C-alpha cells in the first residue's frame, strides 16, 4: 500500500477529507522526526515502539577488492512491534481478526 492508498483508507474510516488526513499525517511525521532527532523513543500502545539506536563504528571489507574500510558510528531508527502484531504476522496476517 502506498501513501495515497493509506490516506484514502484512513479518510474513509475517519469520515474526514483526504486533505485533512494528509495534513494530520504530515504534522505527525514532523513531530516524530523532531522526537527522534532528540534521541527519544516513541511507544504506541497496541502497535509498537520506535527507538533511535546508536550503531557503533566498525570495519568492513569490500569483497571485490579486499580493501578494509572504517564505517563511522551512526544513529539508526528501529521498530519493535507489540506481541499481538508479531503473532498475527507469524500466523499469516489474517485480516479478519
PDB file of N, CA and C in Angstrom:
ATOM      1  N   UNK A   1       0.848  -1.170   0.000  1.00  0.00           N
ATOM      2  CA  UNK A   1       0.000   0.000   0.000  1.00  0.00           C
ATOM      3  C   UNK A   1       0.898   1.239   0.000  1.00  0.00           C
ATOM      4  N   UNK A   2       0.617   2.161  -0.883  1.00  0.00           N
ATOM      5  CA  UNK A   2       1.407   3.386  -0.916  1.00  0.00           C
ATOM      6  C   UNK A   2       0.730   4.467  -0.072  1.00  0.00           C
ATOM      7  N   UNK A   3       1.381   5.626   0.026  1.00  0.00           N
ATOM      8  CA  UNK A   3       0.886   6.719   0.858  1.00  0.00           C
ATOM      9  C   UNK A   3      -0.512   7.163   0.435  1.00  0.00           C
ATOM     10  N   UNK A   4      -0.741   7.287  -0.863  1.00  0.00           N
ATOM     11  CA  UNK A   4      -2.041   7.745  -1.369  1.00  0.00           C
ATOM     12  C   UNK A   4      -3.158   6.782  -0.965  1.00  0.00           C
ATOM     13  N   UNK A   5      -2.912   5.477  -1.093  1.00  0.00           N
ATOM     14  CA  UNK A   5      -3.907   4.474  -0.707  1.00  0.00           C
ATOM     15  C   UNK A   5      -4.169   4.508   0.797  1.00  0.00           C
ATOM     16  N   UNK A   6      -3.099   4.666   1.566  1.00  0.00           N
ATOM     17  CA  UNK A   6      -3.230   4.716   3.029  1.00  0.00           C
ATOM     18  C   UNK A   6      -4.074   5.921   3.449  1.00  0.00           C
ATOM     19  N   UNK A   7      -3.777   7.091   2.872  1.00  0.00           N
ATOM     20  CA  UNK A   7      -4.532   8.305   3.177  1.00  0.00           C
ATOM     21  C   UNK A   7      -6.003   8.118   2.808  1.00  0.00           C
ATOM     22  N   UNK A   8      -6.263   7.504   1.662  1.00  0.00           N
ATOM     23  CA  UNK A   8      -7.644   7.257   1.228  1.00  0.00           C
ATOM     24  C   UNK A   8      -8.383   6.356   2.225  1.00  0.00           C
ATOM     25  N   UNK A   9      -7.751   5.251   2.628  1.00  0.00           N
ATOM     26  CA  UNK A   9      -8.378   4.331   3.586  1.00  0.00           C
ATOM     27  C   UNK A   9      -8.646   5.016   4.932  1.00  0.00           C
ATOM     28  N   UNK A  10      -7.679   5.774   5.402  1.00  0.00           N
ATOM     29  CA  UNK A  10      -7.839   6.479   6.672  1.00  0.00           C
ATOM     30  C   UNK A  10      -8.951   7.519   6.577  1.00  0.00           C
ATOM     31  N   UNK A  11      -9.031   8.205   5.449  1.00  0.00           N
ATOM     32  CA  UNK A  11     -10.074   9.199   5.219  1.00  0.00           C
ATOM     33  C   UNK A  11     -11.464   8.554   5.270  1.00  0.00           C
ATOM     34  N   UNK A  12     -11.604   7.387   4.649  1.00  0.00           N
ATOM     35  CA  UNK A  12     -12.885   6.684   4.663  1.00  0.00           C
ATOM     36  C   UNK A  12     -13.270   6.243   6.073  1.00  0.00           C
ATOM     37  N   UNK A  13     -12.316   5.710   6.804  1.00  0.00           N
ATOM     38  CA  UNK A  13     -12.610   5.201   8.153  1.00  0.00           C
ATOM     39  C   UNK A  13     -12.895   6.309   9.154  1.00  0.00           C
ATOM     40  N   UNK A  14     -12.231   7.453   8.994  1.00  0.00           N
ATOM     41  CA  UNK A  14     -12.437   8.566   9.923  1.00  0.00           C
ATOM     42  C   UNK A  14     -13.530   9.524   9.469  1.00  0.00           C
ATOM     43  N   UNK A  15     -13.983   9.350   8.237  1.00  0.00           N
ATOM     44  CA  UNK A  15     -15.018  10.205   7.649  1.00  0.00           C
ATOM     45  C   UNK A  15     -14.605  11.679   7.659  1.00  0.00           C
ATOM     46  N   UNK A  16     -13.348  11.921   7.259  1.00  0.00           N
ATOM     47  CA  UNK A  16     -12.862  13.288   7.074  1.00  0.00           C
ATOM     48  C   UNK A  16     -12.169  13.361   5.719  1.00  0.00           C
ATOM     49  N   UNK A  17     -11.927  14.571   5.243  1.00  0.00           N
ATOM     50  CA  UNK A  17     -11.370  14.728   3.904  1.00  0.00           C
ATOM     51  C   UNK A  17      -9.937  14.197   3.816  1.00  0.00           C
ATOM     52  N   UNK A  18      -9.555  13.815   2.606  1.00  0.00           N
ATOM     53  CA  UNK A  18      -8.196  13.326   2.382  1.00  0.00           C
ATOM     54  C   UNK A  18      -7.171  14.424   2.658  1.00  0.00           C
ATOM     55  N   UNK A  19      -7.525  15.676   2.382  1.00  0.00           N
ATOM     56  CA  UNK A  19      -6.618  16.793   2.643  1.00  0.00           C
ATOM     57  C   UNK A  19      -6.349  16.930   4.142  1.00  0.00           C
ATOM     58  N   UNK A  20      -7.415  16.768   4.957  1.00  0.00           N
ATOM     59  CA  UNK A  20      -7.242  16.847   6.416  1.00  0.00           C
ATOM     60  C   UNK A  20      -6.386  15.692   6.924  1.00  0.00           C
ATOM     61  N   UNK A  21      -6.626  14.495   6.396  1.00  0.00           N
ATOM     62  CA  UNK A  21      -5.829  13.333   6.801  1.00  0.00           C
ATOM     63  C   UNK A  21      -4.367  13.546   6.414  1.00  0.00           C
ATOM     64  N   UNK A  22      -4.123  14.054   5.207  1.00  0.00           N
ATOM     65  CA  UNK A  22      -2.757  14.305   4.755  1.00  0.00           C
ATOM     66  C   UNK A  22      -2.069  15.319   5.666  1.00  0.00           C
ATOM     67  N   UNK A  23      -2.786  16.362   6.048  1.00  0.00           N
ATOM     68  CA  UNK A  23      -2.239  17.384   6.932  1.00  0.00           C
ATOM     69  C   UNK A  23      -1.890  16.790   8.300  1.00  0.00           C
ATOM     70  N   UNK A  24      -2.783  15.979   8.834  1.00  0.00           N
ATOM     71  CA  UNK A  24      -2.540  15.326  10.129  1.00  0.00           C
ATOM     72  C   UNK A  24      -1.328  14.411  10.039  1.00  0.00           C
ATOM     73  N   UNK A  25      -1.241  13.632   8.967  1.00  0.00           N
ATOM     74  CA  UNK A  25      -0.109  12.715   8.798  1.00  0.00           C
ATOM     75  C   UNK A  25       1.212  13.487   8.683  1.00  0.00           C
ATOM     76  N   UNK A  26       1.222  14.575   7.913  1.00  0.00           N
ATOM     77  CA  UNK A  26       2.445  15.367   7.761  1.00  0.00           C
ATOM     78  C   UNK A  26       2.902  15.944   9.098  1.00  0.00           C
ATOM     79  N   UNK A  27       1.953  16.447   9.874  1.00  0.00           N
ATOM     80  CA  UNK A  27       2.296  17.009  11.191  1.00  0.00           C
ATOM     81  C   UNK A  27       2.788  15.913  12.137  1.00  0.00           C
ATOM     82  N   UNK A  28       2.151  14.757  12.090  1.00  0.00           N
ATOM     83  CA  UNK A  28       2.573  13.628  12.928  1.00  0.00           C
ATOM     84  C   UNK A  28       4.004  13.220  12.596  1.00  0.00           C
ATOM     85  N   UNK A  29       4.302  13.103  11.326  1.00  0.00           N
ATOM     86  CA  UNK A  29       5.648  12.707  10.893  1.00  0.00           C
ATOM     87  C   UNK A  29       6.678  13.765  11.282  1.00  0.00           C
ATOM     88  N   UNK A  30       6.316  15.045  11.164  1.00  0.00           N
ATOM     89  CA  UNK A  30       7.226  16.115  11.583  1.00  0.00           C
ATOM     90  C   UNK A  30       7.542  16.024  13.078  1.00  0.00           C
ATOM     91  N   UNK A  31       6.514  15.816  13.886  1.00  0.00           N
ATOM     92  CA  UNK A  31       6.709  15.709  15.334  1.00  0.00           C
ATOM     93  C   UNK A  31       7.558  14.490  15.667  1.00  0.00           C
ATOM     94  N   UNK A  32       7.276  13.358  15.020  1.00  0.00           N
ATOM     95  CA  UNK A  32       8.060  12.150  15.268  1.00  0.00           C
ATOM     96  C   UNK A  32       9.523  12.379  14.893  1.00  0.00           C
ATOM     97  N   UNK A  33       9.765  13.049  13.773  1.00  0.00           N
ATOM     98  CA  UNK A  33      11.131  13.348  13.364  1.00  0.00           C
ATOM     99  C   UNK A  33      11.864  14.182  14.392  1.00  0.00           C
ATOM    100  N   UNK A  34      11.172  15.181  14.957  1.00  0.00           N
ATOM    101  CA  UNK A  34      11.781  16.016  15.994  1.00  0.00           C
ATOM    102  C   UNK A  34      12.143  15.191  17.229  1.00  0.00           C
ATOM    103  N   UNK A  35      11.240  14.292  17.609  1.00  0.00           N
ATOM    104  CA  UNK A  35      11.482  13.439  18.781  1.00  0.00           C
ATOM    105  C   UNK A  35      12.675  12.521  18.529  1.00  0.00           C
ATOM    106  N   UNK A  36      12.764  11.953  17.329  1.00  0.00           N
ATOM    107  CA  UNK A  36      13.887  11.063  17.002  1.00  0.00           C
ATOM    108  C   UNK A  36      15.206  11.819  16.983  1.00  0.00           C
ATOM    109  N   UNK A  37      15.198  13.063  16.504  1.00  0.00           N
ATOM    110  CA  UNK A  37      16.429  13.857  16.479  1.00  0.00           C
ATOM    111  C   UNK A  37      16.942  14.128  17.884  1.00  0.00           C
ATOM    112  N   UNK A  38      16.040  14.173  18.855  1.00  0.00           N
ATOM    113  CA  UNK A  38      16.438  14.361  20.248  1.00  0.00           C
ATOM    114  C   UNK A  38      16.942  13.056  20.858  1.00  0.00           C
ATOM    115  N   UNK A  39      16.805  11.949  20.116  1.00  0.00           N
ATOM    116  CA  UNK A  39      17.268  10.651  20.602  1.00  0.00           C
ATOM    117  C   UNK A  39      16.258   9.918  21.462  1.00  0.00           C
ATOM    118  N   UNK A  40      15.025  10.410  21.493  1.00  0.00           N
ATOM    119  CA  UNK A  40      13.980   9.782  22.308  1.00  0.00           C
ATOM    120  C   UNK A  40      13.227   8.714  21.530  1.00  0.00           C
ATOM    121  N   UNK A  41      12.536   7.846  22.272  1.00  0.00           N
ATOM    122  CA  UNK A  41      11.728   6.784  21.688  1.00  0.00           C
ATOM    123  C   UNK A  41      10.262   7.179  21.705  1.00  0.00           C
ATOM    124  N   UNK A  42       9.471   6.514  20.865  1.00  0.00           N
ATOM    125  CA  UNK A  42       8.021   6.704  20.855  1.00  0.00           C
ATOM    126  C   UNK A  42       7.381   5.330  21.016  1.00  0.00           C
ATOM    127  N   UNK A  43       6.570   5.199  22.067  1.00  0.00           N
ATOM    128  CA  UNK A  43       5.878   3.943  22.316  1.00  0.00           C
ATOM    129  C   UNK A  43       4.400   4.149  22.024  1.00  0.00           C
ATOM    130  N   UNK A  44       3.868   3.363  21.079  1.00  0.00           N
ATOM    131  CA  UNK A  44       2.458   3.453  20.711  1.00  0.00           C
ATOM    132  C   UNK A  44       1.751   2.195  21.196  1.00  0.00           C
ATOM    133  N   UNK A  45       0.798   2.402  22.091  1.00  0.00           N
ATOM    134  CA  UNK A  45       0.052   1.289  22.661  1.00  0.00           C
ATOM    135  C   UNK A  45      -0.626   0.489  21.561  1.00  0.00           C
ATOM    136  N   UNK A  46      -0.570  -0.821  21.664  1.00  0.00           N
ATOM    137  CA  UNK A  46      -1.170  -1.762  20.707  1.00  0.00           C
ATOM    138  C   UNK A  46      -0.534  -1.715  19.323  1.00  0.00           C
ATOM    139  N   UNK A  47       0.623  -1.061  19.198  1.00  0.00           N
ATOM    140  CA  UNK A  47       1.306  -1.020  17.909  1.00  0.00           C
ATOM    141  C   UNK A  47       2.771  -1.405  18.043  1.00  0.00           C
ATOM    142  N   UNK A  48       3.536  -0.622  18.789  1.00  0.00           N
ATOM    143  CA  UNK A  48       4.945  -0.941  18.961  1.00  0.00           C
ATOM    144  C   UNK A  48       5.745   0.257  19.414  1.00  0.00           C
ATOM    145  N   UNK A  49       7.058   0.094  19.387  1.00  0.00           N
ATOM    146  CA  UNK A  49       7.971   1.134  19.850  1.00  0.00           C
ATOM    147  C   UNK A  49       8.966   1.474  18.758  1.00  0.00           C
ATOM    148  N   UNK A  50       9.086   2.769  18.467  1.00  0.00           N
ATOM    149  CA  UNK A  50      10.112   3.279  17.577  1.00  0.00           C
ATOM    150  C   UNK A  50      11.235   3.790  18.476  1.00  0.00           C
ATOM    151  N   UNK A  51      12.468   3.361  18.199  1.00  0.00           N
ATOM    152  CA  UNK A  51      13.562   3.846  19.024  1.00  0.00           C
ATOM    153  C   UNK A  51      14.796   4.122  18.187  1.00  0.00           C
ATOM    154  N   UNK A  52      15.547   5.123  18.638  1.00  0.00           N
ATOM    155  CA  UNK A  52      16.787   5.507  17.985  1.00  0.00           C
ATOM    156  C   UNK A  52      17.904   4.703  18.661  1.00  0.00           C
ATOM    157  N   UNK A  53      18.677   4.004  17.843  1.00  0.00           N
ATOM    158  CA  UNK A  53      19.788   3.198  18.360  1.00  0.00           C
ATOM    159  C   UNK A  53      21.093   3.717  17.773  1.00  0.00           C
ATOM    160  N   UNK A  54      22.144   3.625  18.564  1.00  0.00           N
ATOM    161  CA  UNK A  54      23.447   4.031  18.069  1.00  0.00           C
ATOM    162  C   UNK A  54      24.170   2.800  17.531  1.00  0.00           C
ATOM    163  N   UNK A  55      24.527   2.854  16.273  1.00  0.00           N
ATOM    164  CA  UNK A  55      25.301   1.782  15.660  1.00  0.00           C
ATOM    165  C   UNK A  55      26.776   2.165  15.800  1.00  0.00           C
ATOM    166  N   UNK A  56      27.547   1.291  16.385  1.00  0.00           N
ATOM    167  CA  UNK A  56      28.946   1.574  16.688  1.00  0.00           C
ATOM    168  C   UNK A  56      29.811   1.581  15.424  1.00  0.00           C
ATOM    169  N   UNK A  57      30.965   2.195  15.559  1.00  0.00           N
ATOM    170  CA  UNK A  57      31.953   2.216  14.486  1.00  0.00           C
ATOM    171  C   UNK A  57      32.409   0.779  14.210  1.00  0.00           C
ATOM    172  N   UNK A  58      32.613   0.439  12.942  1.00  0.00           N
ATOM    173  CA  UNK A  58      33.035  -0.932  12.619  1.00  0.00           C
ATOM    174  C   UNK A  58      33.872  -0.940  11.343  1.00  0.00           C
ATOM    175  N   UNK A  59      34.588  -2.030  11.171  1.00  0.00           N
ATOM    176  CA  UNK A  59      35.424  -2.214   9.989  1.00  0.00           C
ATOM    177  C   UNK A  59      34.719  -3.204   9.067  1.00  0.00           C
ATOM    178  N   UNK A  60      34.616  -2.843   7.783  1.00  0.00           N
ATOM    179  CA  UNK A  60      34.021  -3.738   6.792  1.00  0.00           C
ATOM    180  C   UNK A  60      35.045  -4.000   5.700  1.00  0.00           C
ATOM    181  N   UNK A  61      34.866  -5.105   4.983  1.00  0.00           N
ATOM    182  CA  UNK A  61      35.789  -5.474   3.915  1.00  0.00           C
ATOM    183  C   UNK A  61      35.025  -5.524   2.604  1.00  0.00           C
ATOM    184  N   UNK A  62      35.540  -4.804   1.597  1.00  0.00           N
ATOM    185  CA  UNK A  62      34.966  -4.847   0.262  1.00  0.00           C
ATOM    186  C   UNK A  62      35.308  -6.215  -0.329  1.00  0.00           C
ATOM    187  N   UNK A  63      34.321  -7.056  -0.649  1.00  0.00           N
ATOM    188  CA  UNK A  63      34.609  -8.398  -1.131  1.00  0.00           C
ATOM    189  C   UNK A  63      35.334  -8.428  -2.483  1.00  0.00           C
ATOM    190  N   UNK A  64      35.148  -7.403  -3.281  1.00  0.00           N
ATOM    191  CA  UNK A  64      35.794  -7.372  -4.600  1.00  0.00           C
ATOM    192  C   UNK A  64      37.266  -7.021  -4.528  1.00  0.00           C
ATOM    193  N   UNK A  65      37.590  -6.014  -3.723  1.00  0.00           N
ATOM    194  CA  UNK A  65      38.980  -5.532  -3.664  1.00  0.00           C
ATOM    195  C   UNK A  65      39.711  -5.988  -2.409  1.00  0.00           C
ATOM    196  N   UNK A  66      38.987  -6.563  -1.459  1.00  0.00           N
ATOM    197  CA  UNK A  66      39.535  -6.983  -0.163  1.00  0.00           C
ATOM    198  C   UNK A  66      40.045  -5.785   0.652  1.00  0.00           C
ATOM    199  N   UNK A  67      39.633  -4.592   0.259  1.00  0.00           N
ATOM    200  CA  UNK A  67      40.049  -3.389   0.972  1.00  0.00           C
ATOM    201  C   UNK A  67      39.204  -3.228   2.227  1.00  0.00           C
ATOM    202  N   UNK A  68      39.880  -2.929   3.339  1.00  0.00           N
ATOM    203  CA  UNK A  68      39.191  -2.709   4.606  1.00  0.00           C
ATOM    204  C   UNK A  68      38.811  -1.227   4.707  1.00  0.00           C
ATOM    205  N   UNK A  69      37.584  -0.975   5.196  1.00  0.00           N
ATOM    206  CA  UNK A  69      37.114   0.398   5.349  1.00  0.00           C
ATOM    207  C   UNK A  69      36.493   0.564   6.724  1.00  0.00           C
ATOM    208  N   UNK A  70      36.638   1.742   7.277  1.00  0.00           N
ATOM    209  CA  UNK A  70      36.060   2.061   8.570  1.00  0.00           C
ATOM    210  C   UNK A  70      34.717   2.753   8.347  1.00  0.00           C
ATOM    211  N   UNK A  71      33.660   2.180   8.916  1.00  0.00           N
ATOM    212  CA  UNK A  71      32.331   2.779   8.836  1.00  0.00           C
ATOM    213  C   UNK A  71      32.122   3.545  10.138  1.00  0.00           C
ATOM    214  N   UNK A  72      31.871   4.849  10.050  1.00  0.00           N
ATOM    215  CA  UNK A  72      31.729   5.655  11.270  1.00  0.00           C
ATOM    216  C   UNK A  72      30.449   5.307  12.037  1.00  0.00           C
ATOM    217  N   UNK A  73      30.404   5.666  13.314  1.00  0.00           N
ATOM    218  CA  UNK A  73      29.178   5.407  14.089  1.00  0.00           C
ATOM    219  C   UNK A  73      28.032   6.244  13.539  1.00  0.00           C
ATOM    220  N   UNK A  74      26.808   5.736  13.694  1.00  0.00           N
ATOM    221  CA  UNK A  74      25.647   6.490  13.228  1.00  0.00           C
ATOM    222  C   UNK A  74      24.420   6.090  14.029  1.00  0.00           C
ATOM    223  N   UNK A  75      23.402   6.909  13.929  1.00  0.00           N
ATOM    224  CA  UNK A  75      22.131   6.614  14.586  1.00  0.00           C
ATOM    225  C   UNK A  75      21.189   5.995  13.566  1.00  0.00           C
ATOM    226  N   UNK A  76      20.472   4.951  13.981  1.00  0.00           N
ATOM    227  CA  UNK A  76      19.507   4.289  13.112  1.00  0.00           C
ATOM    228  C   UNK A  76      18.174   4.177  13.854  1.00  0.00           C
ATOM    229  N   UNK A  77      17.095   4.175  13.102  1.00  0.00           N
ATOM    230  CA  UNK A  77      15.770   4.061  13.678  1.00  0.00           C
ATOM    231  C   UNK A  77      15.332   2.607  13.636  1.00  0.00           C
ATOM    232  N   UNK A  78      14.876   2.113  14.771  1.00  0.00           N
ATOM    233  CA  UNK A  78      14.394   0.737  14.851  1.00  0.00           C
ATOM    234  C   UNK A  78      12.938   0.709  15.268  1.00  0.00           C
ATOM    235  N   UNK A  79      12.263  -0.378  14.938  1.00  0.00           N
ATOM    236  CA  UNK A  79      10.864  -0.561  15.323  1.00  0.00           C
ATOM    237  C   UNK A  79      10.691  -1.951  15.897  1.00  0.00           C
ATOM    238  N   UNK A  80      10.034  -2.011  17.044  1.00  0.00           N
ATOM    239  CA  UNK A  80       9.740  -3.299  17.666  1.00  0.00           C
ATOM    240  C   UNK A  80       8.227  -3.376  17.868  1.00  0.00           C
ATOM    241  N   UNK A  81       7.543  -4.234  17.088  1.00  0.00           N
ATOM    242  CA  UNK A  81       6.087  -4.335  17.218  1.00  0.00           C
ATOM    243  C   UNK A  81       5.685  -5.026  18.522  1.00  0.00           C
ATOM    244  N   UNK A  82       4.449  -4.774  18.960  1.00  0.00           N
ATOM    245  CA  UNK A  82       3.927  -5.458  20.144  1.00  0.00           C
ATOM    246  C   UNK A  82       3.710  -6.933  19.807  1.00  0.00           C
ATOM    247  N   UNK A  83       3.602  -7.747  20.835  1.00  0.00           N
ATOM    248  CA  UNK A  83       3.487  -9.193  20.663  1.00  0.00           C
ATOM    249  C   UNK A  83       2.277  -9.597  19.818  1.00  0.00           C
ATOM    250  N   UNK A  84       1.157  -8.890  19.957  1.00  0.00           N
ATOM    251  CA  UNK A  84      -0.046  -9.271  19.201  1.00  0.00           C
ATOM    252  C   UNK A  84       0.162  -9.093  17.693  1.00  0.00           C
ATOM    253  N   UNK A  85       0.882  -8.054  17.285  1.00  0.00           N
ATOM    254  CA  UNK A  85       1.161  -7.860  15.860  1.00  0.00           C
ATOM    255  C   UNK A  85       2.139  -8.919  15.367  1.00  0.00           C
ATOM    256  N   UNK A  86       3.150  -9.227  16.175  1.00  0.00           N
ATOM    257  CA  UNK A  86       4.100 -10.284  15.803  1.00  0.00           C
ATOM    258  C   UNK A  86       3.363 -11.603  15.594  1.00  0.00           C
ATOM    259  N   UNK A  87       2.431 -11.894  16.484  1.00  0.00           N
ATOM    260  CA  UNK A  87       1.684 -13.149  16.406  1.00  0.00           C
ATOM    261  C   UNK A  87       0.806 -13.190  15.154  1.00  0.00           C
ATOM    262  N   UNK A  88       0.159 -12.080  14.818  1.00  0.00           N
ATOM    263  CA  UNK A  88      -0.672 -12.034  13.608  1.00  0.00           C
ATOM    264  C   UNK A  88       0.171 -12.283  12.364  1.00  0.00           C
ATOM    265  N   UNK A  89       1.347 -11.653  12.305  1.00  0.00           N
ATOM    266  CA  UNK A  89       2.219 -11.848  11.148  1.00  0.00           C
ATOM    267  C   UNK A  89       2.753 -13.276  11.069  1.00  0.00           C
ATOM    268  N   UNK A  90       3.051 -13.825  12.237  1.00  0.00           N
ATOM    269  CA  UNK A  90       3.568 -15.194  12.289  1.00  0.00           C
ATOM    270  C   UNK A  90       2.516 -16.185  11.788  1.00  0.00           C
ATOM    271  N   UNK A  91       1.249 -15.869  12.039  1.00  0.00           N
ATOM    272  CA  UNK A  91       0.155 -16.760  11.640  1.00  0.00           C
ATOM    273  C   UNK A  91      -0.414 -16.427  10.262  1.00  0.00           C
ATOM    274  N   UNK A  92       0.338 -15.684   9.470  1.00  0.00           N
ATOM    275  CA  UNK A  92      -0.089 -15.400   8.112  1.00  0.00           C
ATOM    276  C   UNK A  92      -0.823 -14.093   7.938  1.00  0.00           C
ATOM    277  N   UNK A  93      -0.906 -13.284   8.989  1.00  0.00           N
ATOM    278  CA  UNK A  93      -1.529 -11.968   8.869  1.00  0.00           C
ATOM    279  C   UNK A  93      -3.000 -12.016   8.552  1.00  0.00           C
ATOM    280  N   UNK A  94      -3.750 -12.861   9.230  1.00  0.00           N
ATOM    281  CA  UNK A  94      -5.185 -12.996   8.995  1.00  0.00           C
ATOM    282  C   UNK A  94      -5.867 -11.649   9.147  1.00  0.00           C
ATOM    283  N   UNK A  95      -6.500 -11.137   8.088  1.00  0.00           N
ATOM    284  CA  UNK A  95      -7.125  -9.813   8.093  1.00  0.00           C
ATOM    285  C   UNK A  95      -8.481  -9.791   8.777  1.00  0.00           C
ATOM    286  N   UNK A  96      -9.100 -10.922   8.989  1.00  0.00           N
ATOM    287  CA  UNK A  96     -10.468 -10.977   9.504  1.00  0.00           C
ATOM    288  C   UNK A  96     -10.544 -11.001  11.014  1.00  0.00           C
ATOM    289  N   UNK A  97      -9.465 -10.737  11.710  1.00  0.00           N
ATOM    290  CA  UNK A  97      -9.489 -10.774  13.180  1.00  0.00           C
ATOM    291  C   UNK A  97      -9.932  -9.456  13.737  1.00  0.00           C
TER     292      UNK A  97
END
